[in-house]
N, C-alpha and C. Protein backbone atom coordinates (compact mmCIF):
# COMPACT_ATOMS: atom_id res chain seq x y z
N MET A 1 0.82 -1.20 0.00
CA MET A 1 0.00 0.00 0.00
C MET A 1 0.86 1.26 0.00
N ASN A 2 2.04 1.18 0.61
CA ASN A 2 2.88 2.36 0.72
C ASN A 2 3.94 2.42 -0.37
N GLU A 3 3.91 1.50 -1.32
CA GLU A 3 4.87 1.48 -2.41
C GLU A 3 6.31 1.51 -1.91
N LEU A 4 6.64 0.63 -0.98
CA LEU A 4 7.99 0.53 -0.43
C LEU A 4 8.93 -0.09 -1.45
N PRO A 5 10.21 0.26 -1.37
CA PRO A 5 11.18 -0.45 -2.20
C PRO A 5 11.20 -1.93 -1.82
N ARG A 6 11.60 -2.76 -2.73
CA ARG A 6 11.57 -4.21 -2.53
C ARG A 6 12.37 -4.64 -1.30
N TRP A 7 13.53 -4.02 -1.06
CA TRP A 7 14.36 -4.42 0.08
C TRP A 7 13.69 -4.05 1.41
N GLN A 8 12.99 -2.91 1.46
CA GLN A 8 12.31 -2.54 2.70
C GLN A 8 11.12 -3.46 2.97
N TYR A 9 10.40 -3.81 1.93
CA TYR A 9 9.29 -4.73 2.08
C TYR A 9 9.78 -6.07 2.62
N ALA A 10 10.88 -6.57 2.07
CA ALA A 10 11.45 -7.84 2.52
C ALA A 10 11.94 -7.73 3.96
N ALA A 11 12.53 -6.60 4.33
CA ALA A 11 13.01 -6.42 5.70
C ALA A 11 11.84 -6.41 6.70
N TYR A 12 10.75 -5.75 6.36
CA TYR A 12 9.58 -5.74 7.23
C TYR A 12 8.97 -7.14 7.34
N LEU A 13 8.96 -7.87 6.25
CA LEU A 13 8.42 -9.22 6.27
C LEU A 13 9.26 -10.14 7.16
N VAL A 14 10.57 -10.03 7.06
CA VAL A 14 11.46 -10.84 7.91
C VAL A 14 11.28 -10.47 9.38
N LEU A 15 11.17 -9.18 9.67
CA LEU A 15 10.94 -8.74 11.05
C LEU A 15 9.63 -9.32 11.60
N TYR A 16 8.60 -9.29 10.81
CA TYR A 16 7.31 -9.85 11.22
C TYR A 16 7.43 -11.35 11.50
N LEU A 17 8.11 -12.07 10.64
CA LEU A 17 8.28 -13.51 10.82
C LEU A 17 9.09 -13.83 12.07
N VAL A 18 10.10 -13.01 12.37
CA VAL A 18 10.90 -13.22 13.59
C VAL A 18 10.04 -13.02 14.83
N VAL A 19 9.21 -12.00 14.82
CA VAL A 19 8.33 -11.73 15.95
C VAL A 19 7.33 -12.87 16.13
N MET A 20 6.77 -13.37 15.03
CA MET A 20 5.81 -14.46 15.12
C MET A 20 6.49 -15.76 15.58
N ALA A 21 7.72 -15.99 15.15
CA ALA A 21 8.44 -17.20 15.58
C ALA A 21 8.67 -17.16 17.08
N ASP A 22 8.95 -15.98 17.61
CA ASP A 22 9.12 -15.82 19.05
C ASP A 22 7.84 -16.20 19.79
N ASP A 23 6.69 -15.80 19.29
CA ASP A 23 5.42 -16.15 19.90
C ASP A 23 5.19 -17.66 19.86
N LEU A 24 5.56 -18.29 18.77
CA LEU A 24 5.40 -19.74 18.66
C LEU A 24 6.27 -20.47 19.68
N VAL A 25 7.49 -20.00 19.88
CA VAL A 25 8.39 -20.61 20.85
C VAL A 25 7.82 -20.48 22.26
N ILE A 26 7.30 -19.31 22.58
CA ILE A 26 6.72 -19.09 23.91
C ILE A 26 5.49 -19.98 24.11
N SER A 27 4.64 -20.09 23.10
CA SER A 27 3.46 -20.95 23.20
C SER A 27 3.84 -22.41 23.39
N TYR A 28 4.84 -22.86 22.64
CA TYR A 28 5.31 -24.24 22.76
C TYR A 28 5.88 -24.51 24.15
N ALA A 29 6.67 -23.57 24.65
CA ALA A 29 7.25 -23.73 25.99
C ALA A 29 6.16 -23.77 27.05
N THR A 30 5.14 -22.96 26.90
CA THR A 30 4.04 -22.94 27.86
C THR A 30 3.29 -24.27 27.86
N MET A 31 2.97 -24.76 26.68
CA MET A 31 2.23 -26.03 26.60
C MET A 31 3.08 -27.18 27.13
N THR A 32 4.38 -27.17 26.85
CA THR A 32 5.25 -28.22 27.35
C THR A 32 5.34 -28.18 28.86
N SER A 33 5.47 -26.99 29.42
CA SER A 33 5.56 -26.89 30.88
C SER A 33 4.25 -27.30 31.55
N LEU A 34 3.13 -27.04 30.91
CA LEU A 34 1.85 -27.47 31.47
C LEU A 34 1.75 -28.99 31.47
N GLN A 35 2.26 -29.62 30.44
CA GLN A 35 2.23 -31.08 30.41
C GLN A 35 3.16 -31.68 31.46
N ILE A 36 4.30 -31.03 31.68
CA ILE A 36 5.23 -31.50 32.71
C ILE A 36 4.60 -31.36 34.09
N ALA A 37 3.84 -30.29 34.30
CA ALA A 37 3.22 -30.03 35.60
C ALA A 37 1.94 -30.87 35.80
N ARG A 38 1.67 -31.78 34.89
CA ARG A 38 0.51 -32.67 34.98
C ARG A 38 -0.83 -31.95 34.90
N LEU A 39 -0.85 -30.84 34.18
CA LEU A 39 -2.12 -30.16 33.96
C LEU A 39 -2.67 -30.54 32.59
N SER A 40 -2.36 -31.73 32.14
CA SER A 40 -2.68 -32.09 30.78
C SER A 40 -4.18 -32.22 30.52
N GLY A 41 -4.90 -32.97 31.14
CA GLY A 41 -6.33 -33.25 30.95
C GLY A 41 -7.17 -32.22 30.24
N ARG A 42 -8.16 -31.74 30.92
CA ARG A 42 -9.14 -30.81 30.35
C ARG A 42 -8.52 -29.48 29.93
N TYR A 43 -7.63 -28.97 30.77
CA TYR A 43 -7.05 -27.65 30.51
C TYR A 43 -6.27 -27.64 29.19
N THR A 44 -5.46 -28.66 28.96
CA THR A 44 -4.67 -28.72 27.74
C THR A 44 -5.58 -28.89 26.53
N ARG A 45 -6.58 -29.73 26.64
CA ARG A 45 -7.51 -29.90 25.52
C ARG A 45 -8.24 -28.60 25.21
N ALA A 46 -8.67 -27.89 26.24
CA ALA A 46 -9.39 -26.63 26.02
C ALA A 46 -8.47 -25.58 25.40
N SER A 47 -7.25 -25.48 25.90
CA SER A 47 -6.34 -24.47 25.34
C SER A 47 -5.93 -24.82 23.92
N ASN A 48 -5.79 -26.11 23.59
CA ASN A 48 -5.50 -26.50 22.21
C ASN A 48 -6.68 -26.17 21.30
N LEU A 49 -7.89 -26.37 21.79
CA LEU A 49 -9.08 -26.04 21.01
C LEU A 49 -9.16 -24.54 20.74
N ILE A 50 -8.92 -23.76 21.77
CA ILE A 50 -8.97 -22.30 21.62
C ILE A 50 -7.85 -21.83 20.67
N GLY A 51 -6.66 -22.38 20.85
CA GLY A 51 -5.55 -22.01 19.97
C GLY A 51 -5.82 -22.37 18.53
N GLY A 52 -6.41 -23.54 18.29
CA GLY A 52 -6.76 -23.95 16.93
C GLY A 52 -7.83 -23.05 16.33
N ALA A 53 -8.79 -22.67 17.16
CA ALA A 53 -9.85 -21.77 16.67
C ALA A 53 -9.27 -20.42 16.29
N LEU A 54 -8.32 -19.94 17.08
CA LEU A 54 -7.71 -18.64 16.78
C LEU A 54 -6.81 -18.70 15.56
N LEU A 55 -6.26 -19.87 15.26
CA LEU A 55 -5.49 -20.02 14.02
C LEU A 55 -6.40 -19.88 12.81
N LEU A 56 -7.60 -20.44 12.93
CA LEU A 56 -8.53 -20.40 11.81
C LEU A 56 -9.32 -19.10 11.74
N ARG A 57 -9.57 -18.49 12.89
CA ARG A 57 -10.37 -17.26 12.95
C ARG A 57 -9.70 -16.21 13.83
N PRO A 58 -8.60 -15.58 13.38
CA PRO A 58 -7.92 -14.59 14.21
C PRO A 58 -8.76 -13.35 14.48
N ASP A 59 -9.81 -13.15 13.69
CA ASP A 59 -10.68 -11.99 13.92
C ASP A 59 -11.45 -12.10 15.23
N LEU A 60 -11.47 -13.28 15.85
CA LEU A 60 -12.13 -13.45 17.14
C LEU A 60 -11.43 -12.67 18.25
N LEU A 61 -10.18 -12.28 18.01
CA LEU A 61 -9.45 -11.51 19.00
C LEU A 61 -9.83 -10.03 19.00
N MET A 62 -10.62 -9.61 18.05
CA MET A 62 -11.01 -8.20 17.93
C MET A 62 -12.18 -7.91 18.86
N PHE A 63 -11.87 -7.50 20.07
CA PHE A 63 -12.91 -7.24 21.06
C PHE A 63 -13.72 -6.00 20.73
N ALA A 64 -13.10 -4.99 20.15
CA ALA A 64 -13.80 -3.73 19.86
C ALA A 64 -14.92 -3.99 18.85
N ARG A 65 -14.70 -4.86 17.90
CA ARG A 65 -15.72 -5.14 16.90
C ARG A 65 -16.91 -5.87 17.54
N ALA A 66 -16.63 -6.73 18.50
CA ALA A 66 -17.69 -7.49 19.14
C ALA A 66 -18.56 -6.57 20.02
N LEU A 67 -17.96 -5.52 20.58
CA LEU A 67 -18.71 -4.63 21.46
C LEU A 67 -19.49 -3.57 20.71
N ALA A 68 -19.11 -3.32 19.48
CA ALA A 68 -19.77 -2.25 18.71
C ALA A 68 -21.12 -2.64 18.19
């Protein structure tokens, strides 16, 4: 939209991917630690369901739209 040079567009894309990879690592570490702490049962299933739903429908995180 902003007609950036190709190198700037690529740099922003790489930065975005690095930030998202960090979130994935944190999520994986959290789920692993929950399994180690024996909280696997219902809680893990529910959080996996919610996480999967948010992968398919990220617009569900938009609280302002739901309140309007």
